[in-house]
Protein backbone atom coordinates (compact mmCIF):
# COMPACT_ATOMS: atom_id res chain seq x y z
CA UNK A 1 57.32 -4.29 50.30
CA UNK A 2 58.85 -0.97 49.32
CA UNK A 3 55.66 -0.34 47.32
CA UNK A 4 53.59 -1.02 50.46
CA UNK A 5 55.72 1.37 52.52
CA UNK A 6 55.32 3.97 49.82
CA UNK A 7 51.55 3.55 50.07
CA UNK A 8 51.68 3.97 53.82
CA UNK A 9 53.78 7.08 53.57
CA UNK A 10 51.68 8.53 50.79
CA UNK A 11 48.57 8.14 52.91
CA UNK A 12 49.86 10.79 55.37
CA UNK A 13 49.30 14.32 54.03
CA UNK A 14 52.21 16.72 54.31
CA UNK A 15 50.03 19.06 56.33
CA UNK A 16 49.88 16.43 59.09
CA UNK A 17 53.68 16.38 59.61
CA UNK A 18 54.44 17.51 63.21
CA UNK A 19 57.44 19.47 64.53
CA UNK A 20 58.32 18.96 68.19
CA UNK A 21 59.88 21.79 70.19
CA UNK A 22 61.77 20.55 73.26
CA UNK A 23 63.45 22.62 75.99
CA UNK A 24 66.83 21.34 77.14
CA UNK A 25 68.84 21.72 80.31
CA UNK A 26 72.58 22.06 80.78
CA UNK A 27 73.97 19.17 82.75
CA UNK A 28 77.64 18.39 83.15
CA UNK A 29 78.57 20.72 80.39
CA UNK A 30 76.04 19.31 77.92
CA UNK A 31 72.46 20.04 76.88
CA UNK A 32 70.06 17.30 77.88
CA UNK A 33 66.42 17.06 76.66
CA UNK A 34 63.63 14.54 76.62
CA UNK A 35 62.18 13.68 73.19
CA UNK A 36 58.87 11.78 72.65
CA UNK A 37 59.56 9.26 69.85
CA UNK A 38 56.04 7.78 69.74
CA UNK A 39 55.06 10.11 66.95
CA UNK A 40 57.69 8.54 64.68
CA UNK A 41 56.82 4.90 65.39
CA UNK A 42 56.25 2.62 62.36
CA UNK A 43 52.41 2.48 61.51
CA UNK A 44 52.13 -1.24 62.11
CA UNK A 45 48.32 -1.31 62.30
CA UNK A 46 47.93 0.60 59.06
CA UNK A 47 50.54 -1.62 57.48
CA UNK A 48 48.67 -4.76 58.53
CA UNK A 49 45.33 -3.39 57.24
CA UNK A 50 46.87 -2.45 53.88
CA UNK A 51 48.60 -5.83 53.65
CA UNK A 52 45.26 -7.59 54.28
CA UNK A 53 43.60 -5.56 51.52
CA UNK A 54 46.37 -6.46 49.06
CA UNK A 55 46.08 -10.15 49.93
CA UNK A 56 42.27 -10.01 49.56
CA UNK A 57 42.66 -8.27 46.20
CA UNK A 58 45.09 -10.96 45.07
CA UNK A 59 42.58 -13.68 46.03
CA UNK A 60 39.77 -11.90 44.15
CA UNK A 61 41.99 -11.47 41.11
CA UNK A 62 42.87 -15.16 41.20
CA UNK A 63 39.19 -16.17 41.34
CA UNK A 64 38.38 -13.79 38.49
CA UNK A 65 41.18 -15.26 36.38
CA UNK A 66 39.82 -18.75 37.07
CA UNK A 67 36.32 -17.65 35.98
CA UNK A 68 37.68 -16.07 32.80
CA UNK A 69 39.63 -19.24 32.07
CA UNK A 70 36.51 -21.36 32.63
CA UNK A 71 34.43 -19.05 30.43
CA UNK A 72 37.01 -19.29 27.66
CA UNK A 73 36.82 -23.07 27.91
CA UNK A 74 32.98 -23.05 27.71
CA UNK A 75 32.76 -20.34 25.04
CA UNK A 76 32.93 -22.85 22.13
CA UNK A 77 30.08 -24.74 23.81
CA UNK A 78 27.99 -21.56 23.94
CA UNK A 79 28.76 -20.84 20.28
CA UNK A 80 27.69 -24.37 19.36
CA UNK A 81 24.35 -23.93 21.18
CA UNK A 82 23.68 -20.58 19.45
CA UNK A 83 24.61 -22.03 16.05
CA UNK A 84 22.28 -24.99 16.67
CA UNK A 85 19.35 -22.74 17.62
CA UNK A 86 20.01 -20.49 14.62
CA UNK A 87 20.07 -23.49 12.28
CA UNK A 88 16.81 -24.82 13.73
CA UNK A 89 15.07 -21.45 13.36
CA UNK A 90 16.36 -20.74 9.85
CA UNK A 91 13.69 -22.82 8.03
CA UNK A 92 11.05 -20.68 9.72
CA UNK A 93 12.68 -17.35 9.02
CA UNK A 94 10.43 -16.93 5.96
CA UNK A 95 7.49 -16.55 8.36
CA UNK A 96 8.97 -13.31 9.58
CA UNK A 97 10.30 -12.22 6.17
CA UNK A 98 6.88 -12.73 4.56
CA UNK A 99 5.08 -11.03 7.43
CA UNK A 100 3.23 -14.22 8.33
CA UNK A 101 4.36 -14.28 11.95
CA UNK A 102 2.67 -12.00 14.44
CA UNK A 103 3.54 -12.01 18.12
CA UNK A 104 0.87 -13.27 20.48
CA UNK A 105 0.92 -10.21 22.72
CA UNK A 106 -0.89 -10.52 26.00
CA UNK A 107 -2.26 -6.98 25.76
CA UNK A 108 -3.65 -7.67 22.30
CA UNK A 109 -5.20 -10.88 23.60
CA UNK A 110 -6.89 -8.94 26.39
CA UNK A 111 -8.27 -6.36 23.95
CA UNK A 112 -9.73 -9.10 21.73
CA UNK A 113 -11.34 -10.66 24.78
CA UNK A 114 -12.82 -7.30 25.80
CA UNK A 115 -14.37 -6.92 22.34
CA UNK A 116 -15.71 -10.45 22.53
CA UNK A 117 -17.34 -9.80 25.92
CA UNK A 118 -19.01 -6.69 24.46
CA UNK A 119 -20.31 -8.75 21.51
CA UNK A 120 -21.69 -11.34 23.92
CA UNK A 121 -23.65 -8.68 25.79
CA UNK A 122 -25.14 -7.58 22.47
CA UNK A 123 -25.85 -11.17 21.51
CA UNK A 124 -27.59 -11.85 24.84
CA UNK A 125 -29.99 -8.99 24.19
CA UNK A 126 -30.87 -10.42 20.75
CA UNK A 127 -30.68 -14.15 21.44
CA UNK A 128 -31.05 -15.74 24.86
CA UNK A 129 -30.92 -19.52 24.82
CA UNK A 130 -28.82 -22.44 26.01
CA UNK A 131 -26.20 -21.86 23.32
CA UNK A 132 -25.62 -18.21 24.28
CA UNK A 133 -25.45 -19.16 27.97
CA UNK A 134 -22.83 -21.81 27.18
CA UNK A 135 -20.70 -19.33 25.20
CA UNK A 136 -20.93 -16.77 28.03
CA UNK A 137 -19.65 -19.34 30.54
CA UNK A 138 -16.75 -20.32 28.28
CA UNK A 139 -15.74 -16.68 27.79
CA UNK A 140 -15.93 -16.09 31.56
CA UNK A 141 -13.58 -19.05 32.10
CA UNK A 142 -11.22 -17.76 29.41
CA UNK A 143 -11.17 -14.37 31.14
CA UNK A 144 -9.96 -16.05 34.33
CA UNK A 145 -7.17 -17.78 32.41
CA UNK A 146 -6.04 -14.52 30.79
CA UNK A 147 -6.09 -12.72 34.15
CA UNK A 148 -3.93 -15.50 35.57
CA UNK A 149 -1.46 -14.96 32.74
CA UNK A 150 -0.97 -11.40 33.98
CA UNK A 151 0.75 -12.89 37.04
CA UNK A 152 2.33 -16.09 35.79
CA UNK A 153 3.09 -17.24 32.27
CA UNK A 154 1.95 -20.83 32.77
CA UNK A 155 -0.62 -21.11 29.97
CA UNK A 156 0.17 -21.81 26.33
CA UNK A 157 -0.85 -18.61 24.55
CA UNK A 158 -1.41 -20.42 21.25
CA UNK A 159 -3.98 -22.61 22.96
CA UNK A 160 -5.70 -19.56 24.41
CA UNK A 161 -5.61 -17.88 20.98
CA UNK A 162 -7.28 -20.92 19.41
CA UNK A 163 -9.99 -20.95 22.11
CA UNK A 164 -10.56 -17.24 21.52
CA UNK A 165 -10.88 -17.86 17.75
CA UNK A 166 -13.44 -20.59 18.35
CA UNK A 167 -15.50 -18.43 20.72
CA UNK A 168 -15.39 -15.44 18.38
CA UNK A 169 -16.62 -17.63 15.52
CA UNK A 170 -19.45 -18.93 17.73
CA UNK A 171 -20.55 -15.40 18.61
CA UNK A 172 -20.40 -14.31 14.95
CA UNK A 173 -22.55 -17.28 13.95
CA UNK A 174 -25.17 -16.48 16.59
CA UNK A 175 -25.30 -12.81 15.58
CA UNK A 176 -25.24 -13.02 11.80
CA UNK A 177 -26.70 -16.34 10.65
CA UNK A 178 -30.24 -17.04 11.84
CA UNK A 179 -30.73 -20.65 12.82
CA UNK A 180 -33.40 -21.07 10.15
CA UNK A 181 -31.53 -19.33 7.33
CA UNK A 182 -30.93 -22.67 5.60
CA UNK A 183 -34.67 -23.14 5.51
CA UNK A 184 -34.89 -20.43 2.87
CA UNK A 185 -33.47 -23.02 0.46
CA UNK A 186 -34.37 -26.59 1.36
CA UNK A 187 -31.35 -28.08 -0.42
CA UNK A 188 -29.06 -26.31 2.05
CA UNK A 189 -30.48 -28.53 4.80
CA UNK A 190 -28.84 -31.57 3.21
CA UNK A 191 -25.41 -30.70 4.61
CA UNK A 192 -22.17 -30.32 2.69
CA UNK A 193 -21.98 -30.50 -1.06
CA UNK A 194 -20.92 -34.01 -2.17
CA UNK A 195 -20.45 -33.85 -5.94
CA UNK A 196 -19.63 -31.53 -8.82
CA UNK A 197 -20.63 -32.35 -12.38
CA UNK A 198 -18.51 -32.26 -15.50
CA UNK A 199 -18.50 -28.82 -17.14
CA UNK A 200 -21.96 -27.89 -18.44
CA UNK A 201 -20.52 -24.81 -20.21
CA UNK A 202 -17.15 -24.75 -21.96
CA UNK A 203 -16.31 -21.61 -23.89
CA UNK A 204 -13.24 -19.63 -24.87
CA UNK A 205 -13.25 -16.11 -23.51
CA UNK A 206 -14.02 -13.45 -26.14
CA UNK A 207 -10.72 -11.84 -25.11
CA UNK A 208 -8.77 -14.95 -26.16
CA UNK A 209 -6.43 -17.36 -24.40
CA UNK A 210 -3.80 -14.69 -23.82
CA UNK A 211 -5.96 -13.05 -21.14
CA UNK A 212 -5.53 -15.76 -18.49
CA UNK A 213 -7.04 -13.90 -15.52
CA UNK A 214 -10.48 -12.49 -14.85
CA UNK A 215 -13.95 -13.28 -13.53
CA UNK A 216 -17.22 -14.24 -15.19
CA UNK A 217 -20.67 -15.62 -14.46
CA UNK A 218 -24.37 -14.99 -14.27
CA UNK A 219 -26.03 -12.26 -12.22
CA UNK A 220 -26.24 -13.77 -8.72
CA UNK A 221 -28.99 -11.95 -6.77
CA UNK A 222 -31.81 -14.47 -6.39
CA UNK A 223 -34.73 -12.03 -6.19
CA UNK A 224 -33.77 -10.00 -9.29
CA UNK A 225 -36.07 -11.63 -11.83
CA UNK A 226 -35.53 -8.99 -14.50
CA UNK A 227 -31.74 -9.34 -14.24
CA UNK A 228 -31.33 -13.08 -13.71
CA UNK A 229 -30.47 -13.83 -17.37
CA UNK A 230 -27.56 -11.37 -17.50
CA UNK A 231 -24.11 -12.87 -18.13
CA UNK A 232 -20.93 -10.89 -17.63
CA UNK A 233 -17.14 -11.05 -18.04
CA UNK A 234 -14.56 -8.92 -16.23
CA UNK A 235 -11.10 -9.45 -17.81
CA UNK A 236 -7.81 -8.33 -16.23
CA UNK A 237 -6.25 -6.68 -19.26
CA UNK A 238 -3.38 -4.99 -17.42
CA UNK A 239 -0.71 -7.73 -17.01
CA UNK A 240 -3.35 -10.10 -15.59
CA UNK A 241 -3.46 -7.88 -12.48
CA UNK A 242 -6.13 -5.23 -13.01
CA UNK A 243 -8.90 -4.20 -15.39
CA UNK A 244 -11.45 -1.43 -15.80
CA UNK A 245 -13.87 -3.03 -18.29
CA UNK A 246 -17.08 -4.98 -17.55
CA UNK A 247 -18.71 -6.74 -20.51
CA UNK A 248 -22.43 -7.56 -20.15
CA UNK A 249 -24.68 -9.86 -22.20
CA UNK A 250 -28.46 -9.63 -21.79
CA UNK A 251 -29.07 -13.34 -22.43
CA UNK A 252 -27.42 -16.74 -22.40
CA UNK A 253 -27.74 -16.94 -26.19
CA UNK A 254 -25.89 -13.65 -26.67
CA UNK A 255 -23.20 -14.79 -24.28
CA UNK A 256 -22.61 -18.10 -26.08
CA UNK A 257 -22.54 -16.34 -29.44
CA UNK A 258 -20.39 -13.46 -28.11
CA UNK A 259 -22.90 -11.03 -29.63
CA UNK A 260 -24.79 -7.87 -28.63
CA UNK A 261 -22.60 -7.12 -25.66
CA UNK A 262 -22.22 -3.83 -23.78
CA UNK A 263 -18.89 -2.71 -22.30
CA UNK A 264 -18.91 -0.55 -19.17
CA UNK A 265 -15.84 1.45 -18.13
CA UNK A 266 -15.51 1.13 -14.35
CA UNK A 267 -12.62 3.58 -13.96
CA UNK A 268 -10.60 6.03 -16.12
CA UNK A 269 -7.59 3.68 -16.30
CA UNK A 270 -6.31 0.25 -15.29
CA UNK A 271 -4.44 1.76 -12.35
CA UNK A 272 -7.16 4.06 -11.05
CA UNK A 273 -8.28 3.68 -7.42
CA UNK A 274 -11.71 2.40 -8.57
CA UNK A 275 -10.46 -0.20 -11.01
CA UNK A 276 -10.62 -3.95 -10.35
CA UNK A 277 -7.58 -5.66 -8.87
CA UNK A 278 -7.36 -9.42 -9.12
CA UNK A 279 -9.91 -12.00 -10.29
CA UNK A 280 -12.33 -11.11 -7.51
CA UNK A 281 -15.48 -9.67 -9.06
CA UNK A 282 -19.12 -10.77 -8.75
CA UNK A 283 -22.23 -9.20 -10.30
CA UNK A 284 -24.95 -9.06 -7.64
CA UNK A 285 -28.15 -7.30 -8.65
CA UNK A 286 -27.39 -3.97 -10.26
CA UNK A 287 -23.87 -3.66 -8.89
CA UNK A 288 -20.44 -5.18 -9.40
CA UNK A 289 -18.52 -5.99 -6.20
CA UNK A 290 -14.73 -6.39 -6.38
CA UNK A 291 -11.33 -5.72 -4.80
CA UNK A 292 -10.36 -2.06 -5.30
CA UNK A 293 -7.01 -1.46 -6.97
CA UNK A 294 -3.94 -0.94 -4.75
CA UNK A 295 -5.89 -0.95 -1.48
CA UNK A 296 -7.35 -3.11 1.28
CA UNK A 297 -10.89 -2.10 0.23
CA UNK A 298 -13.85 -3.73 -1.44
CA UNK A 299 -15.65 -1.61 -4.06
CA UNK A 300 -19.27 -1.56 -5.20
CA UNK A 301 -19.86 -0.18 -8.71
CA UNK A 302 -23.50 0.74 -9.35
CA UNK A 303 -24.41 -0.07 -12.95
CA UNK A 304 -27.22 2.51 -13.06
CA UNK A 305 -25.61 5.66 -11.62
CA UNK A 306 -21.91 4.67 -11.99
CA UNK A 307 -21.26 5.49 -8.32
CA UNK A 308 -18.48 3.65 -6.47
CA UNK A 309 -18.73 2.88 -2.76
CA UNK A 310 -15.89 1.41 -0.69
CA UNK A 311 -15.30 -0.37 2.61
CA UNK A 312 -11.98 -1.41 4.19
CA UNK A 313 -11.56 -5.02 5.26
CA UNK A 314 -10.89 -5.50 9.00
CA UNK A 315 -7.33 -6.42 9.90
CA UNK A 316 -6.08 -5.87 6.35
CA UNK A 317 -3.69 -2.93 6.16
CA UNK A 318 -1.02 -1.89 3.68
CA UNK A 319 0.36 -5.44 3.59
CA UNK A 320 -2.74 -6.76 1.84
CA UNK A 321 -0.71 -8.41 -0.95
CA UNK A 322 0.96 -11.00 1.31
CA UNK A 323 -1.51 -13.87 0.94
CA UNK A 324 -2.64 -14.74 -2.61
CA UNK A 325 -3.98 -18.16 -3.57
CA UNK A 326 -0.73 -20.05 -3.98
CA UNK A 327 -1.03 -23.84 -4.31
CA UNK A 328 2.10 -24.70 -6.37
CA UNK A 329 1.82 -21.49 -8.41
CA UNK A 330 0.86 -18.16 -6.85
CA UNK A 331 -1.97 -16.32 -8.61
CA UNK A 332 -1.04 -12.65 -8.88
CA UNK A 333 -3.30 -10.24 -6.97
CA UNK A 334 -5.68 -12.94 -5.70
CA UNK A 335 -5.39 -11.74 -2.09
CA UNK A 336 -9.02 -10.58 -1.81
CA UNK A 337 -11.85 -12.72 -3.16
CA UNK A 338 -15.46 -11.43 -3.29
CA UNK A 339 -18.10 -14.21 -3.33
CA UNK A 340 -21.88 -14.68 -3.13
CA UNK A 341 -24.28 -17.44 -2.06
CA UNK A 342 -27.80 -17.95 -0.67
CA UNK A 343 -26.95 -15.82 2.39
CA UNK A 344 -25.64 -12.86 0.36
CA UNK A 345 -22.22 -11.34 -0.22
CA UNK A 346 -18.93 -12.53 1.31
CA UNK A 347 -15.24 -11.61 1.20
CA UNK A 348 -12.46 -14.20 1.54
CA UNK A 349 -8.92 -13.09 2.42
CA UNK A 350 -6.12 -13.56 5.00
CA UNK A 351 -4.32 -11.25 7.42
CA UNK A 352 -1.10 -11.14 9.41
CA UNK A 353 -3.25 -11.33 12.54
CA UNK A 354 -4.77 -14.61 11.32
CA UNK A 355 -1.23 -15.90 10.54
CA UNK A 356 -2.15 -16.22 6.86
CA UNK A 357 -5.16 -18.46 7.52
CA UNK A 358 -8.35 -17.90 5.53
CA UNK A 359 -10.70 -15.25 6.90
CA UNK A 360 -14.28 -14.90 5.67
CA UNK A 361 -16.32 -11.73 6.28
CA UNK A 362 -19.98 -10.99 5.64
CA UNK A 363 -20.51 -8.06 3.27
CA UNK A 364 -23.70 -6.01 3.36
CA UNK A 365 -25.08 -3.14 1.25
CA UNK A 366 -27.29 -0.64 3.08
CA UNK A 367 -29.43 0.84 0.31
CA UNK A 368 -30.97 3.53 2.55
CA UNK A 369 -27.66 4.85 3.90
CA UNK A 370 -25.88 3.89 0.66
CA UNK A 371 -22.99 2.38 2.60
CA UNK A 372 -21.04 -0.85 2.23
CA UNK A 373 -20.42 -2.63 5.53
CA UNK A 374 -18.56 -5.61 6.98
CA UNK A 375 -20.95 -7.13 9.52
CA UNK A 376 -19.23 -10.29 10.82
CA UNK A 377 -15.90 -12.08 10.44
CA UNK A 378 -14.80 -15.69 10.95
CA UNK A 379 -11.25 -17.07 11.13
CA UNK A 380 -10.43 -20.56 9.82
CA UNK A 381 -7.40 -22.81 10.30
CA UNK A 382 -6.66 -23.23 6.58
CA UNK A 383 -3.52 -21.45 5.33
CA UNK A 384 -4.63 -19.39 2.32
CA UNK A 385 -1.53 -20.14 0.28
CA UNK A 386 -2.36 -23.86 0.58
CA UNK A 387 -5.40 -23.38 -1.69
CA UNK A 388 -5.82 -22.49 -5.36
CA UNK A 389 -9.22 -20.88 -4.82
CA UNK A 390 -12.32 -20.75 -2.60
CA UNK A 391 -16.06 -20.05 -2.85
CA UNK A 392 -19.17 -19.85 -0.65
CA UNK A 393 -22.30 -22.03 -0.84
CA UNK A 394 -25.14 -22.15 1.73
CA UNK A 395 -23.00 -20.26 4.23
CA UNK A 396 -20.16 -22.77 3.88
CA UNK A 397 -16.69 -21.87 2.63
CA UNK A 398 -15.16 -24.43 0.26
CA UNK A 399 -11.48 -24.43 -0.82
CA UNK A 400 -9.79 -26.15 -3.77
CA UNK A 401 -6.33 -27.41 -4.67
CA UNK A 402 -4.62 -28.78 -7.79
CA UNK A 403 -4.76 -32.53 -8.52
CA UNK A 404 -3.06 -32.27 -11.92
CA UNK A 405 -3.12 -30.06 -15.00
CA UNK A 406 -6.64 -31.17 -15.89
CA UNK A 407 -8.28 -31.67 -12.50
CA UNK A 408 -8.99 -29.49 -9.46
CA UNK A 409 -10.26 -30.82 -6.12
CA UNK A 410 -12.53 -29.39 -3.41
CA UNK A 411 -10.80 -30.60 -0.24
CA UNK A 412 -11.88 -28.30 2.61
CA UNK A 413 -15.08 -26.81 4.08
CA UNK A 414 -15.80 -24.35 6.90
CA UNK A 415 -19.40 -23.84 8.06
CA UNK A 416 -20.07 -20.32 9.31
CA UNK A 417 -23.29 -21.48 10.99
CA UNK A 418 -21.49 -23.92 13.30
CA UNK A 419 -17.79 -22.99 13.13
CA UNK A 420 -16.96 -26.60 12.20
CA UNK A 421 -14.28 -27.52 9.65
CA UNK A 422 -13.87 -30.55 7.38
CA UNK A 423 -10.58 -31.18 5.54
CA UNK A 424 -11.46 -34.69 4.35
CA UNK A 425 -13.43 -33.71 1.23
CA UNK A 426 -12.35 -35.06 -2.16
CA UNK A 427 -14.57 -33.68 -4.94
CA UNK A 428 -12.75 -33.52 -8.31
CA UNK A 429 -13.45 -30.90 -10.96
CA UNK A 430 -12.44 -31.24 -14.61
CA UNK A 431 -10.67 -28.32 -16.25
CA UNK A 432 -8.98 -27.53 -19.56
CA UNK A 433 -5.80 -25.86 -18.30
CA UNK A 434 -3.81 -25.86 -15.06
CA UNK A 435 -4.36 -22.27 -13.92
CA UNK A 436 -7.53 -21.30 -12.04
CA UNK A 437 -7.90 -17.53 -11.86
CA UNK A 438 -11.35 -17.41 -10.21
CA UNK A 439 -14.04 -19.78 -8.97
CA UNK A 440 -17.44 -18.47 -7.87
CA UNK A 441 -20.80 -19.97 -6.92
CA UNK A 442 -24.17 -18.69 -8.16
CA UNK A 443 -27.24 -19.39 -5.99
CA UNK A 444 -29.67 -18.60 -8.84
CA UNK A 445 -28.83 -21.82 -10.71
CA UNK A 446 -26.49 -23.49 -8.16
CA UNK A 447 -23.61 -23.50 -10.62
CA UNK A 448 -19.88 -22.87 -10.20
CA UNK A 449 -18.10 -20.54 -12.64
CA UNK A 450 -14.38 -20.97 -13.30
CA UNK A 451 -12.04 -18.67 -15.26
CA UNK A 452 -9.49 -21.27 -16.41
CA UNK A 453 -6.53 -19.67 -18.24
CA UNK A 454 -8.78 -17.94 -20.79
CA UNK A 455 -11.49 -20.64 -20.83
CA UNK A 456 -14.90 -20.12 -19.24
CA UNK A 457 -16.25 -23.25 -17.49
CA UNK A 458 -19.45 -23.83 -15.51
CA UNK A 459 -20.34 -26.80 -13.28
CA UNK A 460 -23.52 -28.01 -11.59
CA UNK A 461 -23.21 -28.55 -7.83
CA UNK A 462 -24.99 -31.46 -6.16
CA UNK A 463 -25.84 -32.62 -2.63
């Protein structure tokens, strides 16, 4: 109470203190005066207001103490929830550590949809049929869903992302693969490949079993009659990662006898920007196509004038080494895989944007402009590290996995002409050793070429 009185007194500034001057009168020998005592009355109203504030403050403090006490009681419960969530997310932390996870940003989704709508306008000018009309309607509906997401997050973004992937693949198929392209080779009309023969060629690499990585095969451009008998080997002599040598044989007989070869130096060293990285090369016509060293580019080395032309793969930045073929054992520097089939050149890889799933892009050489271009791109739902290798045949991507040390299996197919996938295939392939460095298809003779831990194997494909 003394504290309260002190507060009341302290509220009155000294400058407000009043002095009263009173005139007195002499009466009966004494001085009499009238004094107004109201100015010195106790400030009851102020006292009551201050007392009410103190009581209110005490009530608030009591409630706050109760809330703190309750929070302290529930704090272990909160810690338990956080620990549980952390433990549940921990198995998936590698997705972020390996750069596999990429956020499904709404703005990025809108930009992809804008690009898709622009492609559809281009497609409508080139092709106008029931299929293009159907795709346009689906994209229009997807646009409404994305616009709705701007206001309310009520749609599963992963579902929308999958629909966008499907529509993008449909547009790419309409733009890049003519409906009659399979008619160029009648056997492509029979559908998916259904069998692979035992090895029709089995040969030890001229570089020996110690060089376990590289590429090899027969020249793969179908209309190059004067070059169709050329066989080649591209070994990765630098720690099974890179190589700058291309060995060429002018005939099958020379190749089998390892005689009369010619070695071409593709770059000044095994770490030069124009050297080959990974078992990714393919000889197509008068040029070797491959993954350029320490980059996200594909290179074209012209055998006649020694010129090197490059093109960067879409969506593949500095983190291009995140997704090698990796079924059981990861194959070093197998992140980018150049392939060829009846439709031409292809590139197989994976990106952070595709969440590590296989991406296949169409590669084209413009001889007039002398430029290398990526024309179209498809995204699959097969995680690249779940395969040991992949190849193209009749516009269809096929992927393999290990059965055991002496057998590989083709288990997956993705058709770029339709966007359809099939993961129920089971086509075994015999091999000599466990490791498969490269596997490529050749449309000239419809054979598969495998670089198998220093052994060179070829197989006949069948429908």
